[in-house]
Amino acid sequence: QVRLVESGGGLVQAGGSLRLSCSASGTRIGAKTMGWYRQTPGKQRELVASITNGDRTNYADFVKGRFTISRLYAKNTIYLQMSSLQPEDTGTYFCSARFIVGPIGDHWGQGTQVTVSS
């Protein structure tokens, strides 16, 4: 069974930085796509950034130039480097992994809280 574990959330002042990590365990198969979503107060869960196994990245407009997603294939791990954080970035950040072989389907982590104070 695939398990995604996020870490790196916390409290930071506006303008600060955080680095989130997510590791997928329970399979040796690499995910087709891994990504970060967030749920902010009053909004539905939305894509923040994703990366494919071909290193193709996709970013939401609201994080372009501020966040960077990267991937360590050997460990089925992704990172999200977040800079210039703003209070509106506050929310729960979820890791996702999509497999097209093996544990086929979309898998989710439990989420990690990011709080940006003004």
Protein backbone atom coordinates (compact mmCIF):
# COMPACT_ATOMS: atom_id res chain seq x y z
CA GLN A 1 0.00 0.00 0.00
CA VAL A 2 1.38 3.37 -1.00
CA ARG A 3 1.88 5.83 1.80
CA LEU A 4 2.79 9.47 1.33
CA VAL A 5 4.33 11.35 4.23
CA GLU A 6 4.76 15.10 4.17
CA SER A 7 7.00 17.18 6.37
CA GLY A 8 8.38 20.69 6.60
CA GLY A 9 5.32 22.75 7.36
CA GLY A 10 5.26 25.31 10.11
CA LEU A 11 4.85 28.94 11.05
CA VAL A 12 6.78 31.61 9.19
CA GLN A 13 6.59 35.37 8.85
CA ALA A 14 5.54 36.99 5.61
CA GLY A 15 8.45 37.10 3.20
CA GLY A 16 9.98 33.99 4.70
CA SER A 17 10.66 30.57 3.24
CA LEU A 18 9.80 26.96 3.94
CA ARG A 19 10.71 23.69 2.29
CA LEU A 20 8.19 20.88 2.18
CA SER A 21 9.12 17.26 1.59
CA CYS A 22 7.04 14.27 0.61
CA SER A 23 8.16 10.68 0.40
CA ALA A 24 6.19 7.80 -1.07
CA SER A 25 6.73 4.41 0.53
CA GLY A 26 5.24 0.99 -0.02
CA THR A 27 6.25 0.66 -3.65
CA ARG A 28 9.42 0.59 -5.70
CA ILE A 29 7.58 1.85 -8.73
CA GLY A 30 8.04 5.48 -9.59
CA ALA A 31 4.95 7.63 -9.76
CA LYS A 32 4.01 9.10 -13.10
CA THR A 33 3.31 12.47 -11.52
CA MET A 34 3.78 13.86 -8.06
CA GLY A 35 2.58 17.17 -6.84
CA TRP A 36 1.48 19.53 -4.14
CA TYR A 37 -2.03 20.77 -3.55
CA ARG A 38 -3.25 23.12 -0.90
CA GLN A 39 -6.48 23.86 0.84
CA THR A 40 -6.80 27.37 2.17
CA PRO A 41 -9.64 28.63 4.37
CA GLY A 42 -12.85 28.99 2.41
CA LYS A 43 -11.48 27.46 -0.75
CA GLN A 44 -11.41 24.07 -2.39
CA ARG A 45 -8.22 22.09 -2.70
CA GLU A 46 -6.14 23.49 -5.54
CA LEU A 47 -3.01 22.53 -7.41
CA VAL A 48 0.15 24.30 -6.33
CA ALA A 49 2.76 22.52 -8.44
CA SER A 50 3.38 19.15 -10.04
CA ILE A 51 6.25 17.30 -11.65
CA THR A 52 6.22 14.32 -13.97
CA ASN A 53 8.70 11.50 -14.22
CA GLY A 54 10.03 13.35 -17.24
CA ASP A 55 10.72 16.42 -15.09
CA ARG A 56 7.94 18.42 -16.67
CA THR A 57 6.71 20.90 -14.12
CA ASN A 58 3.45 22.77 -13.81
CA TYR A 59 2.79 25.66 -11.45
CA ALA A 60 -0.29 27.52 -10.40
CA ASP A 61 -0.14 31.15 -11.45
CA PHE A 62 -0.21 32.32 -7.85
CA VAL A 63 3.12 30.64 -7.05
CA LYS A 64 5.10 31.18 -10.22
CA GLY A 65 8.44 32.71 -9.43
CA ARG A 66 8.08 32.00 -5.71
CA PHE A 67 7.84 28.22 -5.38
CA THR A 68 9.98 25.51 -6.93
CA ILE A 69 9.13 21.83 -7.11
CA SER A 70 11.82 19.19 -7.46
CA ARG A 71 12.02 15.43 -7.37
CA LEU A 72 14.43 12.79 -6.14
CA TYR A 73 13.52 9.75 -8.21
CA ALA A 74 15.60 7.25 -6.30
CA LYS A 75 13.48 7.83 -3.22
CA ASN A 76 10.12 8.70 -4.80
CA THR A 77 10.44 12.00 -3.02
CA ILE A 78 9.45 15.50 -3.97
CA TYR A 79 10.21 18.86 -2.48
CA LEU A 80 8.53 22.22 -2.59
CA GLN A 81 10.77 25.18 -1.92
CA MET A 82 8.54 28.09 -0.99
CA SER A 83 9.89 31.62 -0.89
CA SER A 84 8.37 35.07 -0.44
CA LEU A 85 5.52 33.50 1.48
CA GLN A 86 2.44 35.61 2.06
CA PRO A 87 -0.43 35.25 4.53
CA GLU A 88 -2.68 34.06 1.72
CA ASP A 89 -0.39 31.05 1.32
CA THR A 90 -1.61 29.81 4.69
CA GLY A 91 -3.28 26.44 4.45
CA THR A 92 -2.84 22.71 4.52
CA TYR A 93 -0.50 21.39 1.86
CA PHE A 94 -1.10 17.90 0.53
CA CYS A 95 1.22 15.68 -1.42
CA SER A 96 -0.18 13.57 -4.23
CA ALA A 97 1.19 10.80 -6.39
CA ARG A 98 -0.34 9.33 -9.51
CA PHE A 99 0.67 5.85 -10.55
CA ILE A 100 -0.15 4.34 -13.93
CA VAL A 101 1.40 0.95 -13.13
CA GLY A 102 1.57 -0.97 -9.92
CA PRO A 103 -0.55 0.85 -7.33
CA ILE A 104 -2.61 2.49 -10.07
CA GLY A 105 -4.47 5.61 -9.11
CA ASP A 106 -4.08 8.80 -7.14
CA HIS A 107 -2.70 8.66 -3.64
CA TRP A 108 -2.66 11.40 -1.03
CA GLY A 109 -0.76 12.31 2.07
CA GLN A 110 -2.30 13.53 5.30
CA GLY A 111 -1.22 17.11 4.75
CA THR A 112 1.11 19.51 6.48
CA GLN A 113 0.08 22.89 7.83
CA VAL A 114 1.72 26.07 6.59
CA THR A 115 0.93 29.27 8.44
CA VAL A 116 2.27 32.63 7.30
CA SER A 117 1.90 35.51 9.72
CA SER A 118 1.72 39.11 8.60
